[in-house]
Every structure is written in C-alpha cells, then in structure tokens.
Amino acid sequence: TGMYLSLTQSNADEDKLVDSIHPSMYPTGTVDVDGTRWIVYQGDDGVEPVWTTRLNSTGGPTQVAITGAGGVDQFRTLAAATESQPPLPAHR
C-alpha cells in the first residue's frame, strides 16, 4: 500500500476541524516545525494522526490540518511547505 498525506484548510476552529476529519481524536502533544507549533492529535488504533495549526494571513487566520499514512518526516515536510506560503483566500 502507498503512503499519502492530505492537507485541509478551513475557517473552522481547531476542535471542529479535527472533529470533521475524525471524531474520536484527542491531542497528544505538539511539534515545532520551523518556529510554528503544530498540535498532534491521535485516535484509536488504525486511525491516522492529525497535525493542525492556525496560520495568519492578510485575509485573516486559517486553521490547517494534515493527516494521512505518511511518517513523521513526511508530515514535517508538508507542514514546512504549508507554513511557508500564505493560505488560500476564503471564498464564501
């Protein structure tokens, strides 16, 4: 089976965004990626982890989340790339 990661951007609060990905997740710690604090969520066995953080931009704050079957190095790579660019503008 292949490895993959998924990136979600939302204007929802952290709890609501994580709950929309998987409702049984709970925070287990933080990871620092290039000065940005990502909150790590875990779930029951077999549930992929979620890393989430709030990014600020000229359009206002945005919550982002990464999940998937990748390892920590892949999560770090996507987190660093995500925080190095401004969030997409919100469309209503």
C-alpha atoms as a PDB file:
ATOM      1  CA  THR A   1       0.000   0.000   0.000  1.00  0.00           C
ATOM      2  CA  GLY A   2       1.150   3.542  -0.714  1.00  0.00           C
ATOM      3  CA  MET A   3       1.713   6.418   1.643  1.00  0.00           C
ATOM      4  CA  TYR A   4      -0.220   9.653   1.294  1.00  0.00           C
ATOM      5  CA  LEU A   5      -0.925  12.892   3.132  1.00  0.00           C
ATOM      6  CA  SER A   6      -3.934  15.168   2.978  1.00  0.00           C
ATOM      7  CA  LEU A   7      -3.955  18.912   3.666  1.00  0.00           C
ATOM      8  CA  THR A   8      -7.162  20.658   4.733  1.00  0.00           C
ATOM      9  CA  GLN A   9      -7.608  24.424   5.107  1.00  0.00           C
ATOM     10  CA  SER A  10     -10.638  25.790   6.939  1.00  0.00           C
ATOM     11  CA  ASN A  11     -12.063  28.790   8.741  1.00  0.00           C
ATOM     12  CA  ALA A  12     -13.372  26.407  11.438  1.00  0.00           C
ATOM     13  CA  ASP A  13     -11.918  26.327  14.932  1.00  0.00           C
ATOM     14  CA  GLU A  14      -9.314  23.669  15.695  1.00  0.00           C
ATOM     15  CA  ASP A  15     -11.733  21.347  17.522  1.00  0.00           C
ATOM     16  CA  LYS A  16     -14.348  21.482  14.761  1.00  0.00           C
ATOM     17  CA  LEU A  17     -11.803  20.899  12.008  1.00  0.00           C
ATOM     18  CA  VAL A  18     -10.220  17.907  13.742  1.00  0.00           C
ATOM     19  CA  ASP A  19     -13.665  16.521  14.599  1.00  0.00           C
ATOM     20  CA  SER A  20     -14.650  16.768  10.913  1.00  0.00           C
ATOM     21  CA  ILE A  21     -11.636  14.617   9.985  1.00  0.00           C
ATOM     22  CA  HIS A  22     -12.231  12.003  12.672  1.00  0.00           C
ATOM     23  CA  PRO A  23     -14.495  12.490  15.715  1.00  0.00           C
ATOM     24  CA  SER A  24     -12.527  10.323  18.179  1.00  0.00           C
ATOM     25  CA  MET A  25      -9.246  12.270  18.010  1.00  0.00           C
ATOM     26  CA  TYR A  26      -7.544  13.718  21.085  1.00  0.00           C
ATOM     27  CA  PRO A  27      -4.458  15.973  21.439  1.00  0.00           C
ATOM     28  CA  THR A  28      -1.276  14.157  22.454  1.00  0.00           C
ATOM     29  CA  GLY A  29       1.377  16.862  22.179  1.00  0.00           C
ATOM     30  CA  THR A  30       2.980  19.433  19.938  1.00  0.00           C
ATOM     31  CA  VAL A  31       5.650  19.507  17.261  1.00  0.00           C
ATOM     32  CA  ASP A  32       7.673  22.588  16.314  1.00  0.00           C
ATOM     33  CA  VAL A  33       8.269  22.978  12.585  1.00  0.00           C
ATOM     34  CA  ASP A  34      10.413  25.997  11.702  1.00  0.00           C
ATOM     35  CA  GLY A  35       9.037  28.002  14.638  1.00  0.00           C
ATOM     36  CA  THR A  36       5.369  27.103  14.124  1.00  0.00           C
ATOM     37  CA  ARG A  37       3.663  24.966  16.782  1.00  0.00           C
ATOM     38  CA  TRP A  38       1.585  22.111  15.362  1.00  0.00           C
ATOM     39  CA  ILE A  39      -0.783  20.264  17.689  1.00  0.00           C
ATOM     40  CA  VAL A  40      -0.709  16.499  17.199  1.00  0.00           C
ATOM     41  CA  TYR A  41      -3.927  14.504  17.532  1.00  0.00           C
ATOM     42  CA  GLN A  42      -4.147  10.720  17.783  1.00  0.00           C
ATOM     43  CA  GLY A  43      -7.078   8.344  17.762  1.00  0.00           C
ATOM     44  CA  ASP A  44      -7.781   4.686  18.294  1.00  0.00           C
ATOM     45  CA  ASP A  45      -5.560   2.036  16.709  1.00  0.00           C
ATOM     46  CA  GLY A  46      -5.589   2.313  12.945  1.00  0.00           C
ATOM     47  CA  VAL A  47      -6.668   5.968  12.902  1.00  0.00           C
ATOM     48  CA  GLU A  48      -4.173   8.201  11.111  1.00  0.00           C
ATOM     49  CA  PRO A  49      -2.737  11.120  13.129  1.00  0.00           C
ATOM     50  CA  VAL A  50      -3.711  14.747  12.520  1.00  0.00           C
ATOM     51  CA  TRP A  51      -1.345  17.709  12.834  1.00  0.00           C
ATOM     52  CA  THR A  52      -3.029  21.115  12.972  1.00  0.00           C
ATOM     53  CA  THR A  53      -2.066  24.751  13.396  1.00  0.00           C
ATOM     54  CA  ARG A  54      -3.509  28.230  12.922  1.00  0.00           C
ATOM     55  CA  LEU A  55      -1.848  30.343  10.234  1.00  0.00           C
ATOM     56  CA  ASN A  56      -2.275  34.108   9.999  1.00  0.00           C
ATOM     57  CA  SER A  57      -2.503  35.949   6.709  1.00  0.00           C
ATOM     58  CA  THR A  58      -3.749  39.236   5.327  1.00  0.00           C
ATOM     59  CA  GLY A  59      -7.137  37.557   4.810  1.00  0.00           C
ATOM     60  CA  GLY A  60      -7.361  36.553   8.467  1.00  0.00           C
ATOM     61  CA  PRO A  61      -6.484  33.422  10.430  1.00  0.00           C
ATOM     62  CA  THR A  62      -6.872  29.994   8.865  1.00  0.00           C
ATOM     63  CA  GLN A  63      -6.808  26.574  10.517  1.00  0.00           C
ATOM     64  CA  VAL A  64      -4.939  23.897   8.584  1.00  0.00           C
ATOM     65  CA  ALA A  65      -4.684  20.180   9.226  1.00  0.00           C
ATOM     66  CA  ILE A  66      -2.508  17.411   7.838  1.00  0.00           C
ATOM     67  CA  THR A  67      -3.471  13.759   8.055  1.00  0.00           C
ATOM     68  CA  GLY A  68      -2.548  10.570   6.278  1.00  0.00           C
ATOM     69  CA  ALA A  69      -0.459   7.426   6.276  1.00  0.00           C
ATOM     70  CA  GLY A  70       2.927   9.142   5.940  1.00  0.00           C
ATOM     71  CA  GLY A  71       5.623   9.144   8.574  1.00  0.00           C
ATOM     72  CA  VAL A  72       6.813  11.993  10.784  1.00  0.00           C
ATOM     73  CA  ASP A  73       9.350  13.165   8.180  1.00  0.00           C
ATOM     74  CA  GLN A  74       6.633  13.444   5.539  1.00  0.00           C
ATOM     75  CA  PHE A  75       4.358  15.328   7.959  1.00  0.00           C
ATOM     76  CA  ARG A  76       7.227  17.731   8.731  1.00  0.00           C
ATOM     77  CA  THR A  77       7.948  18.297   5.033  1.00  0.00           C
ATOM     78  CA  LEU A  78       4.314  19.124   4.226  1.00  0.00           C
ATOM     79  CA  ALA A  79       3.979  21.264   7.376  1.00  0.00           C
ATOM     80  CA  ALA A  80       7.076  23.312   6.441  1.00  0.00           C
ATOM     81  CA  ALA A  81       5.851  23.783   2.859  1.00  0.00           C
ATOM     82  CA  THR A  82       2.359  24.755   4.057  1.00  0.00           C
ATOM     83  CA  GLU A  83       3.512  27.362   6.547  1.00  0.00           C
ATOM     84  CA  SER A  84       5.957  28.878   4.050  1.00  0.00           C
ATOM     85  CA  GLN A  85       3.093  30.043   1.811  1.00  0.00           C
ATOM     86  CA  PRO A  86       0.048  32.213   2.556  1.00  0.00           C
ATOM     87  CA  PRO A  87      -3.255  30.364   2.977  1.00  0.00           C
ATOM     88  CA  LEU A  88      -5.646  30.347   0.048  1.00  0.00           C
ATOM     89  CA  PRO A  89      -8.185  33.196   0.132  1.00  0.00           C
ATOM     90  CA  ALA A  90     -11.579  32.335   1.596  1.00  0.00           C
ATOM     91  CA  HIS A  91     -14.494  32.072  -0.808  1.00  0.00           C
ATOM     92  CA  ARG A  92     -17.965  32.463   0.591  1.00  0.00           C
END
